[in-house]
Amino acid sequence: MAIELYWGSGSPFAWRVMLTLEVKGLKYESKLLEFSKGENKAPAYLQLNPRGKVPTLKDGDFVLYESLAIMSYLDRKYPEPPLFG
Protein backbone atom coordinates (compact mmCIF):
# COMPACT_ATOMS: atom_id res chain seq x y z
CA MET A 1 0.00 0.00 0.00
CA ALA A 2 1.25 3.42 -0.91
CA ILE A 3 1.84 6.26 1.49
CA GLU A 4 -0.24 9.34 0.70
CA LEU A 5 0.72 12.78 1.96
CA TYR A 6 -1.85 15.56 1.98
CA TRP A 7 -0.14 18.93 2.13
CA GLY A 8 -0.50 22.58 1.20
CA SER A 9 1.96 24.93 -0.43
CA GLY A 10 3.67 27.21 2.06
CA SER A 11 3.17 24.97 5.09
CA PRO A 12 6.47 24.48 6.96
CA PHE A 13 4.83 21.61 8.86
CA ALA A 14 4.12 19.79 5.60
CA TRP A 15 7.66 20.52 4.37
CA ARG A 16 9.22 18.82 7.38
CA VAL A 17 7.18 15.67 6.69
CA MET A 18 8.13 15.79 3.01
CA LEU A 19 11.80 16.09 4.00
CA THR A 20 11.40 13.11 6.31
CA LEU A 21 9.94 11.02 3.49
CA GLU A 22 12.76 12.06 1.16
CA VAL A 23 15.56 11.44 3.70
CA LYS A 24 14.16 7.99 4.37
CA GLY A 25 13.81 7.31 0.63
CA LEU A 26 10.14 6.41 0.96
CA LYS A 27 7.87 6.50 -2.05
CA TYR A 28 4.69 8.45 -1.50
CA GLU A 29 1.82 9.94 -3.41
CA SER A 30 1.67 13.71 -3.14
CA LYS A 31 -1.82 15.15 -2.61
CA LEU A 32 -1.54 18.93 -2.88
CA LEU A 33 -4.53 20.74 -1.38
CA GLU A 34 -5.36 24.26 -2.53
CA PHE A 35 -6.29 26.41 0.44
CA SER A 36 -7.76 29.09 -1.83
CA LYS A 37 -10.32 26.55 -3.09
CA GLY A 38 -11.12 25.34 0.43
CA GLU A 39 -9.93 21.81 -0.35
CA ASN A 40 -8.66 21.46 3.23
CA LYS A 41 -12.25 22.01 4.46
CA ALA A 42 -13.92 19.63 2.01
CA PRO A 43 -15.97 16.85 3.66
CA ALA A 44 -13.77 14.09 2.21
CA TYR A 45 -10.63 15.67 3.68
CA LEU A 46 -12.29 16.41 7.02
CA GLN A 47 -12.97 12.67 7.35
CA LEU A 48 -9.19 12.16 7.31
CA ASN A 49 -8.33 15.18 9.44
CA PRO A 50 -11.23 16.79 11.32
CA ARG A 51 -9.09 19.86 12.02
CA GLY A 52 -8.81 20.62 8.30
CA LYS A 53 -5.09 21.32 8.56
CA VAL A 54 -2.03 19.92 6.83
CA PRO A 55 -0.11 17.68 6.76
CA THR A 56 -2.04 14.43 6.91
CA LEU A 57 -0.39 11.08 6.21
CA LYS A 58 -2.31 8.01 5.08
CA ASP A 59 -0.38 4.73 5.21
CA GLY A 60 -2.77 2.03 4.08
CA ASP A 61 -5.76 2.29 6.41
CA PHE A 62 -3.78 4.21 9.04
CA VAL A 63 -4.22 7.99 9.11
CA LEU A 64 -2.17 10.42 11.16
CA TYR A 65 -1.89 14.20 11.33
CA GLU A 66 0.40 16.64 13.16
CA SER A 67 3.87 16.82 11.64
CA LEU A 68 5.91 15.68 14.65
CA ALA A 69 3.61 12.71 15.22
CA ILE A 70 3.98 11.76 11.55
CA MET A 71 7.77 12.07 11.71
CA SER A 72 7.91 9.92 14.84
CA TYR A 73 5.64 7.30 13.26
CA LEU A 74 7.76 7.16 10.10
CA ASP A 75 10.96 6.90 12.13
CA ARG A 76 9.58 3.95 14.11
CA LYS A 77 8.07 2.15 11.12
CA TYR A 78 11.04 2.79 8.81
CA PRO A 79 14.06 3.05 11.15
CA GLU A 80 16.78 3.50 8.51
CA PRO A 81 18.19 6.07 8.30
CA PRO A 82 17.20 7.27 11.76
CA LEU A 83 15.88 10.81 12.17
CA PHE A 84 16.22 11.18 15.90
CA GLY A 85 19.25 10.36 18.05
PDB file of N, CA and C in Angstrom:
ATOM      1  N   MET A   1       0.835  -1.183   0.000  1.00  0.00           N
ATOM      2  CA  MET A   1       0.000   0.000   0.000  1.00  0.00           C
ATOM      3  C   MET A   1       0.879   1.245   0.000  1.00  0.00           C
ATOM      4  N   ALA A   2       0.467   2.207  -0.759  1.00  0.00           N
ATOM      5  CA  ALA A   2       1.253   3.423  -0.910  1.00  0.00           C
ATOM      6  C   ALA A   2       0.969   4.410   0.213  1.00  0.00           C
ATOM      7  N   ILE A   3       1.982   5.162   0.542  1.00  0.00           N
ATOM      8  CA  ILE A   3       1.836   6.257   1.490  1.00  0.00           C
ATOM      9  C   ILE A   3       1.291   7.455   0.719  1.00  0.00           C
ATOM     10  N   GLU A   4       0.297   8.123   1.288  1.00  0.00           N
ATOM     11  CA  GLU A   4      -0.244   9.336   0.698  1.00  0.00           C
ATOM     12  C   GLU A   4       0.026  10.479   1.670  1.00  0.00           C
ATOM     13  N   LEU A   5       0.484  11.597   1.138  1.00  0.00           N
ATOM     14  CA  LEU A   5       0.720  12.776   1.959  1.00  0.00           C
ATOM     15  C   LEU A   5      -0.129  13.922   1.432  1.00  0.00           C
ATOM     16  N   TYR A   6      -1.025  14.397   2.286  1.00  0.00           N
ATOM     17  CA  TYR A   6      -1.851  15.564   1.975  1.00  0.00           C
ATOM     18  C   TYR A   6      -1.140  16.775   2.550  1.00  0.00           C
ATOM     19  N   TRP A   7      -0.911  17.771   1.709  1.00  0.00           N
ATOM     20  CA  TRP A   7      -0.144  18.935   2.129  1.00  0.00           C
ATOM     21  C   TRP A   7      -0.636  20.176   1.405  1.00  0.00           C
ATOM     22  N   GLY A   8      -0.155  21.325   1.842  1.00  0.00           N
ATOM     23  CA  GLY A   8      -0.499  22.585   1.203  1.00  0.00           C
ATOM     24  C   GLY A   8       0.762  23.403   0.997  1.00  0.00           C
ATOM     25  N   SER A   9       0.804  24.103  -0.105  1.00  0.00           N
ATOM     26  CA  SER A   9       1.957  24.931  -0.432  1.00  0.00           C
ATOM     27  C   SER A   9       2.130  26.021   0.625  1.00  0.00           C
ATOM     28  N   GLY A  10       3.358  26.189   1.076  1.00  0.00           N
ATOM     29  CA  GLY A  10       3.669  27.210   2.062  1.00  0.00           C
ATOM     30  C   GLY A  10       3.632  26.744   3.499  1.00  0.00           C
ATOM     31  N   SER A  11       3.248  25.496   3.725  1.00  0.00           N
ATOM     32  CA  SER A  11       3.169  24.973   5.089  1.00  0.00           C
ATOM     33  C   SER A  11       4.519  24.403   5.522  1.00  0.00           C
ATOM     34  N   PRO A  12       5.191  25.030   6.491  1.00  0.00           N
ATOM     35  CA  PRO A  12       6.468  24.480   6.957  1.00  0.00           C
ATOM     36  C   PRO A  12       6.279  23.131   7.654  1.00  0.00           C
ATOM     37  N   PHE A  13       5.100  22.894   8.197  1.00  0.00           N
ATOM     38  CA  PHE A  13       4.831  21.614   8.862  1.00  0.00           C
ATOM     39  C   PHE A  13       4.762  20.492   7.827  1.00  0.00           C
ATOM     40  N   ALA A  14       4.167  20.772   6.681  1.00  0.00           N
ATOM     41  CA  ALA A  14       4.123  19.792   5.601  1.00  0.00           C
ATOM     42  C   ALA A  14       5.521  19.568   5.032  1.00  0.00           C
ATOM     43  N   TRP A  15       6.304  20.646   4.922  1.00  0.00           N
ATOM     44  CA  TRP A  15       7.661  20.515   4.373  1.00  0.00           C
ATOM     45  C   TRP A  15       8.502  19.581   5.228  1.00  0.00           C
ATOM     46  N   ARG A  16       8.388  19.688   6.544  1.00  0.00           N
ATOM     47  CA  ARG A  16       9.225  18.823   7.385  1.00  0.00           C
ATOM     48  C   ARG A  16       8.858  17.351   7.201  1.00  0.00           C
ATOM     49  N   VAL A  17       7.584  17.056   6.959  1.00  0.00           N
ATOM     50  CA  VAL A  17       7.185  15.667   6.689  1.00  0.00           C
ATOM     51  C   VAL A  17       7.693  15.237   5.320  1.00  0.00           C
ATOM     52  N   MET A  18       7.617  16.123   4.341  1.00  0.00           N
ATOM     53  CA  MET A  18       8.134  15.794   3.010  1.00  0.00           C
ATOM     54  C   MET A  18       9.636  15.521   3.075  1.00  0.00           C
ATOM     55  N   LEU A  19      10.366  16.329   3.831  1.00  0.00           N
ATOM     56  CA  LEU A  19      11.802  16.094   3.996  1.00  0.00           C
ATOM     57  C   LEU A  19      12.064  14.747   4.663  1.00  0.00           C
ATOM     58  N   THR A  20      11.254  14.403   5.645  1.00  0.00           N
ATOM     59  CA  THR A  20      11.398  13.106   6.305  1.00  0.00           C
ATOM     60  C   THR A  20      11.225  11.973   5.308  1.00  0.00           C
ATOM     61  N   LEU A  21      10.188  12.058   4.495  1.00  0.00           N
ATOM     62  CA  LEU A  21       9.939  11.020   3.491  1.00  0.00           C
ATOM     63  C   LEU A  21      11.101  10.926   2.504  1.00  0.00           C
ATOM     64  N   GLU A  22      11.646  12.057   2.106  1.00  0.00           N
ATOM     65  CA  GLU A  22      12.763  12.063   1.158  1.00  0.00           C
ATOM     66  C   GLU A  22      14.039  11.514   1.791  1.00  0.00           C
ATOM     67  N   VAL A  23      14.352  11.931   3.013  1.00  0.00           N
ATOM     68  CA  VAL A  23      15.558  11.444   3.702  1.00  0.00           C
ATOM     69  C   VAL A  23      15.498   9.932   3.865  1.00  0.00           C
ATOM     70  N   LYS A  24      14.313   9.429   4.169  1.00  0.00           N
ATOM     71  CA  LYS A  24      14.164   7.988   4.366  1.00  0.00           C
ATOM     72  C   LYS A  24      14.020   7.231   3.046  1.00  0.00           C
ATOM     73  N   GLY A  25      13.915   7.952   1.941  1.00  0.00           N
ATOM     74  CA  GLY A  25      13.808   7.313   0.630  1.00  0.00           C
ATOM     75  C   GLY A  25      12.494   6.582   0.430  1.00  0.00           C
ATOM     76  N   LEU A  26      11.439   7.076   1.060  1.00  0.00           N
ATOM     77  CA  LEU A  26      10.140   6.411   0.963  1.00  0.00           C
ATOM     78  C   LEU A  26       9.344   6.975  -0.210  1.00  0.00           C
ATOM     79  N   LYS A  27       8.726   6.081  -0.953  1.00  0.00           N
ATOM     80  CA  LYS A  27       7.869   6.502  -2.051  1.00  0.00           C
ATOM     81  C   LYS A  27       6.521   6.897  -1.464  1.00  0.00           C
ATOM     82  N   TYR A  28       5.982   7.987  -1.985  1.00  0.00           N
ATOM     83  CA  TYR A  28       4.688   8.450  -1.498  1.00  0.00           C
ATOM     84  C   TYR A  28       3.949   9.162  -2.617  1.00  0.00           C
ATOM     85  N   GLU A  29       2.655   9.226  -2.462  1.00  0.00           N
ATOM     86  CA  GLU A  29       1.817   9.936  -3.412  1.00  0.00           C
ATOM     87  C   GLU A  29       1.518  11.308  -2.829  1.00  0.00           C
ATOM     88  N   SER A  30       1.863  12.331  -3.564  1.00  0.00           N
ATOM     89  CA  SER A  30       1.671  13.712  -3.138  1.00  0.00           C
ATOM     90  C   SER A  30       0.251  14.157  -3.461  1.00  0.00           C
ATOM     91  N   LYS A  31      -0.450  14.653  -2.437  1.00  0.00           N
ATOM     92  CA  LYS A  31      -1.818  15.153  -2.605  1.00  0.00           C
ATOM     93  C   LYS A  31      -1.827  16.626  -2.185  1.00  0.00           C
ATOM     94  N   LEU A  32      -1.596  17.499  -3.141  1.00  0.00           N
ATOM     95  CA  LEU A  32      -1.542  18.933  -2.877  1.00  0.00           C
ATOM     96  C   LEU A  32      -2.961  19.486  -2.749  1.00  0.00           C
ATOM     97  N   LEU A  33      -3.234  20.111  -1.609  1.00  0.00           N
ATOM     98  CA  LEU A  33      -4.526  20.745  -1.377  1.00  0.00           C
ATOM     99  C   LEU A  33      -4.388  22.245  -1.627  1.00  0.00           C
ATOM    100  N   GLU A  34      -5.373  22.827  -2.275  1.00  0.00           N
ATOM    101  CA  GLU A  34      -5.360  24.261  -2.530  1.00  0.00           C
ATOM    102  C   GLU A  34      -6.231  24.950  -1.490  1.00  0.00           C
ATOM    103  N   PHE A  35      -5.577  25.701  -0.615  1.00  0.00           N
ATOM    104  CA  PHE A  35      -6.293  26.412   0.438  1.00  0.00           C
ATOM    105  C   PHE A  35      -7.283  27.408  -0.141  1.00  0.00           C
ATOM    106  N   SER A  36      -6.902  28.063  -1.234  1.00  0.00           N
ATOM    107  CA  SER A  36      -7.762  29.094  -1.830  1.00  0.00           C
ATOM    108  C   SER A  36      -9.086  28.517  -2.339  1.00  0.00           C
ATOM    109  N   LYS A  37      -9.098  27.231  -2.635  1.00  0.00           N
ATOM    110  CA  LYS A  37     -10.322  26.554  -3.091  1.00  0.00           C
ATOM    111  C   LYS A  37     -11.054  25.862  -1.936  1.00  0.00           C
ATOM    112  N   GLY A  38     -10.488  25.964  -0.734  1.00  0.00           N
ATOM    113  CA  GLY A  38     -11.121  25.341   0.432  1.00  0.00           C
ATOM    114  C   GLY A  38     -11.019  23.831   0.461  1.00  0.00           C
ATOM    115  N   GLU A  39     -10.053  23.272  -0.280  1.00  0.00           N
ATOM    116  CA  GLU A  39      -9.932  21.809  -0.346  1.00  0.00           C
ATOM    117  C   GLU A  39      -9.609  21.193   1.013  1.00  0.00           C
ATOM    118  N   ASN A  40      -8.984  21.970   1.898  1.00  0.00           N
ATOM    119  CA  ASN A  40      -8.665  21.456   3.225  1.00  0.00           C
ATOM    120  C   ASN A  40      -9.897  21.444   4.141  1.00  0.00           C
ATOM    121  N   LYS A  41     -11.004  22.014   3.688  1.00  0.00           N
ATOM    122  CA  LYS A  41     -12.253  22.008   4.462  1.00  0.00           C
ATOM    123  C   LYS A  41     -13.334  21.174   3.777  1.00  0.00           C
ATOM    124  N   ALA A  42     -12.971  20.479   2.714  1.00  0.00           N
ATOM    125  CA  ALA A  42     -13.923  19.625   2.006  1.00  0.00           C
ATOM    126  C   ALA A  42     -14.296  18.431   2.887  1.00  0.00           C
ATOM    127  N   PRO A  43     -15.538  17.968   2.815  1.00  0.00           N
ATOM    128  CA  PRO A  43     -15.973  16.851   3.657  1.00  0.00           C
ATOM    129  C   PRO A  43     -15.082  15.611   3.554  1.00  0.00           C
ATOM    130  N   ALA A  44     -14.620  15.281   2.368  1.00  0.00           N
ATOM    131  CA  ALA A  44     -13.772  14.093   2.207  1.00  0.00           C
ATOM    132  C   ALA A  44     -12.468  14.248   2.976  1.00  0.00           C
ATOM    133  N   TYR A  45     -11.884  15.453   2.944  1.00  0.00           N
ATOM    134  CA  TYR A  45     -10.633  15.669   3.677  1.00  0.00           C
ATOM    135  C   TYR A  45     -10.882  15.725   5.183  1.00  0.00           C
ATOM    136  N   LEU A  46     -11.986  16.321   5.591  1.00  0.00           N
ATOM    137  CA  LEU A  46     -12.293  16.412   7.020  1.00  0.00           C
ATOM    138  C   LEU A  46     -12.519  15.036   7.644  1.00  0.00           C
ATOM    139  N   GLN A  47     -12.868  14.040   6.834  1.00  0.00           N
ATOM    140  CA  GLN A  47     -12.967  12.672   7.348  1.00  0.00           C
ATOM    141  C   GLN A  47     -11.589  12.138   7.721  1.00  0.00           C
ATOM    142  N   LEU A  48     -10.559  12.567   6.992  1.00  0.00           N
ATOM    143  CA  LEU A  48      -9.186  12.163   7.305  1.00  0.00           C
ATOM    144  C   LEU A  48      -8.629  12.977   8.465  1.00  0.00           C
ATOM    145  N   ASN A  49      -8.856  14.274   8.421  1.00  0.00           N
ATOM    146  CA  ASN A  49      -8.328  15.178   9.436  1.00  0.00           C
ATOM    147  C   ASN A  49      -9.422  16.175   9.818  1.00  0.00           C
ATOM    148  N   PRO A  50     -10.113  15.922  10.936  1.00  0.00           N
ATOM    149  CA  PRO A  50     -11.229  16.786  11.319  1.00  0.00           C
ATOM    150  C   PRO A  50     -10.828  18.230  11.606  1.00  0.00           C
ATOM    151  N   ARG A  51      -9.544  18.484  11.791  1.00  0.00           N
ATOM    152  CA  ARG A  51      -9.091  19.857  12.019  1.00  0.00           C
ATOM    153  C   ARG A  51      -8.970  20.645  10.720  1.00  0.00           C
ATOM    154  N   GLY A  52      -8.914  19.947   9.590  1.00  0.00           N
ATOM    155  CA  GLY A  52      -8.808  20.622   8.297  1.00  0.00           C
ATOM    156  C   GLY A  52      -7.473  21.282   8.067  1.00  0.00           C
ATOM    157  N   LYS A  53      -6.439  20.753   8.704  1.00  0.00           N
ATOM    158  CA  LYS A  53      -5.095  21.321   8.559  1.00  0.00           C
ATOM    159  C   LYS A  53      -4.192  20.325   7.837  1.00  0.00           C
ATOM    160  N   VAL A  54      -3.022  20.787   7.463  1.00  0.00           N
ATOM    161  CA  VAL A  54      -2.028  19.924   6.830  1.00  0.00           C
ATOM    162  C   VAL A  54      -0.788  19.904   7.712  1.00  0.00           C
ATOM    163  N   PRO A  55      -0.006  18.842   7.634  1.00  0.00           N
ATOM    164  CA  PRO A  55      -0.110  17.680   6.761  1.00  0.00           C
ATOM    165  C   PRO A  55      -0.962  16.566   7.378  1.00  0.00           C
ATOM    166  N   THR A  56      -1.384  15.673   6.505  1.00  0.00           N
ATOM    167  CA  THR A  56      -2.036  14.433   6.911  1.00  0.00           C
ATOM    168  C   THR A  56      -1.369  13.313   6.132  1.00  0.00           C
ATOM    169  N   LEU A  57      -1.026  12.236   6.829  1.00  0.00           N
ATOM    170  CA  LEU A  57      -0.390  11.077   6.205  1.00  0.00           C
ATOM    171  C   LEU A  57      -1.353   9.903   6.265  1.00  0.00           C
ATOM    172  N   LYS A  58      -1.494   9.215   5.141  1.00  0.00           N
ATOM    173  CA  LYS A  58      -2.307   8.005   5.075  1.00  0.00           C
ATOM    174  C   LYS A  58      -1.382   6.879   4.636  1.00  0.00           C
ATOM    175  N   ASP A  59      -1.235   5.888   5.487  1.00  0.00           N
ATOM    176  CA  ASP A  59      -0.379   4.728   5.205  1.00  0.00           C
ATOM    177  C   ASP A  59      -1.272   3.497   5.267  1.00  0.00           C
ATOM    178  N   GLY A  60      -1.767   3.090   4.102  1.00  0.00           N
ATOM    179  CA  GLY A  60      -2.765   2.026   4.080  1.00  0.00           C
ATOM    180  C   GLY A  60      -4.058   2.550   4.694  1.00  0.00           C
ATOM    181  N   ASP A  61      -4.547   1.863   5.718  1.00  0.00           N
ATOM    182  CA  ASP A  61      -5.765   2.291   6.406  1.00  0.00           C
ATOM    183  C   ASP A  61      -5.465   3.213   7.585  1.00  0.00           C
ATOM    184  N   PHE A  62      -4.178   3.400   7.891  1.00  0.00           N
ATOM    185  CA  PHE A  62      -3.776   4.206   9.042  1.00  0.00           C
ATOM    186  C   PHE A  62      -3.644   5.668   8.636  1.00  0.00           C
ATOM    187  N   VAL A  63      -4.272   6.553   9.393  1.00  0.00           N
ATOM    188  CA  VAL A  63      -4.221   7.992   9.106  1.00  0.00           C
ATOM    189  C   VAL A  63      -3.681   8.715  10.329  1.00  0.00           C
ATOM    190  N   LEU A  64      -2.792   9.664  10.073  1.00  0.00           N
ATOM    191  CA  LEU A  64      -2.173  10.422  11.156  1.00  0.00           C
ATOM    192  C   LEU A  64      -1.971  11.860  10.703  1.00  0.00           C
ATOM    193  N   TYR A  65      -2.194  12.797  11.622  1.00  0.00           N
ATOM    194  CA  TYR A  65      -1.891  14.198  11.332  1.00  0.00           C
ATOM    195  C   TYR A  65      -1.077  14.762  12.475  1.00  0.00           C
ATOM    196  N   GLU A  66      -0.579  15.964  12.307  1.00  0.00           N
ATOM    197  CA  GLU A  66       0.397  16.636  13.164  1.00  0.00           C
ATOM    198  C   GLU A  66       1.799  16.182  12.737  1.00  0.00           C
ATOM    199  N   SER A  67       2.587  17.133  12.278  1.00  0.00           N
ATOM    200  CA  SER A  67       3.871  16.823  11.638  1.00  0.00           C
ATOM    201  C   SER A  67       4.835  16.037  12.527  1.00  0.00           C
ATOM    202  N   LEU A  68       4.976  16.411  13.789  1.00  0.00           N
ATOM    203  CA  LEU A  68       5.913  15.682  14.649  1.00  0.00           C
ATOM    204  C   LEU A  68       5.441  14.259  14.916  1.00  0.00           C
ATOM    205  N   ALA A  69       4.142  14.060  15.046  1.00  0.00           N
ATOM    206  CA  ALA A  69       3.606  12.705  15.222  1.00  0.00           C
ATOM    207  C   ALA A  69       3.870  11.866  13.972  1.00  0.00           C
ATOM    208  N   ILE A  70       3.710  12.470  12.800  1.00  0.00           N
ATOM    209  CA  ILE A  70       3.978  11.763  11.546  1.00  0.00           C
ATOM    210  C   ILE A  70       5.449  11.394  11.447  1.00  0.00           C
ATOM    211  N   MET A  71       6.326  12.343  11.770  1.00  0.00           N
ATOM    212  CA  MET A  71       7.765  12.071  11.711  1.00  0.00           C
ATOM    213  C   MET A  71       8.152  10.946  12.671  1.00  0.00           C
ATOM    214  N   SER A  72       7.615  10.962  13.865  1.00  0.00           N
ATOM    215  CA  SER A  72       7.905   9.919  14.845  1.00  0.00           C
ATOM    216  C   SER A  72       7.405   8.561  14.358  1.00  0.00           C
ATOM    217  N   TYR A  73       6.204   8.536  13.807  1.00  0.00           N
ATOM    218  CA  TYR A  73       5.637   7.299  13.256  1.00  0.00           C
ATOM    219  C   TYR A  73       6.528   6.746  12.144  1.00  0.00           C
ATOM    220  N   LEU A  74       6.921   7.606  11.215  1.00  0.00           N
ATOM    221  CA  LEU A  74       7.760   7.156  10.097  1.00  0.00           C
ATOM    222  C   LEU A  74       9.110   6.653  10.591  1.00  0.00           C
ATOM    223  N   ASP A  75       9.652   7.315  11.605  1.00  0.00           N
ATOM    224  CA  ASP A  75      10.956   6.899  12.130  1.00  0.00           C
ATOM    225  C   ASP A  75      10.868   5.536  12.816  1.00  0.00           C
ATOM    226  N   ARG A  76       9.743   5.263  13.470  1.00  0.00           N
ATOM    227  CA  ARG A  76       9.576   3.952  14.112  1.00  0.00           C
ATOM    228  C   ARG A  76       9.285   2.858  13.096  1.00  0.00           C
ATOM    229  N   LYS A  77       8.454   3.164  12.109  1.00  0.00           N
ATOM    230  CA  LYS A  77       8.069   2.150  11.122  1.00  0.00           C
ATOM    231  C   LYS A  77       9.198   1.869  10.116  1.00  0.00           C
ATOM    232  N   TYR A  78       9.942   2.910   9.790  1.00  0.00           N
ATOM    233  CA  TYR A  78      11.036   2.793   8.815  1.00  0.00           C
ATOM    234  C   TYR A  78      12.299   3.351   9.489  1.00  0.00           C
ATOM    235  N   PRO A  79      12.977   2.536  10.294  1.00  0.00           N
ATOM    236  CA  PRO A  79      14.060   3.049  11.150  1.00  0.00           C
ATOM    237  C   PRO A  79      15.336   3.493  10.439  1.00  0.00           C
ATOM    238  N   GLU A  80      15.539   3.127   9.192  1.00  0.00           N
ATOM    239  CA  GLU A  80      16.782   3.499   8.506  1.00  0.00           C
ATOM    240  C   GLU A  80      16.521   4.474   7.375  1.00  0.00           C
ATOM    241  N   PRO A  81      17.271   5.523   7.296  1.00  0.00           N
ATOM    242  CA  PRO A  81      18.189   6.066   8.295  1.00  0.00           C
ATOM    243  C   PRO A  81      17.395   6.737   9.426  1.00  0.00           C
ATOM    244  N   PRO A  82      17.932   6.694  10.626  1.00  0.00           N
ATOM    245  CA  PRO A  82      17.202   7.272  11.757  1.00  0.00           C
ATOM    246  C   PRO A  82      17.147   8.805  11.689  1.00  0.00           C
ATOM    247  N   LEU A  83      16.030   9.347  12.133  1.00  0.00           N
ATOM    248  CA  LEU A  83      15.882  10.810  12.173  1.00  0.00           C
ATOM    249  C   LEU A  83      16.335  11.382  13.502  1.00  0.00           C
ATOM    250  N   PHE A  84      15.977  10.684  14.559  1.00  0.00           N
ATOM    251  CA  PHE A  84      16.224  11.180  15.900  1.00  0.00           C
ATOM    252  C   PHE A  84      17.349  10.377  16.529  1.00  0.00           C
ATOM    253  N   GLY A  85      18.115  11.020  17.399  1.00  0.00           N
ATOM    254  CA  GLY A  85      19.247  10.356  18.052  1.00  0.00           C
ATOM    255  C   GLY A  85      18.856   9.290  19.040  1.00  0.00           C
TER     256      GLY A  85
END
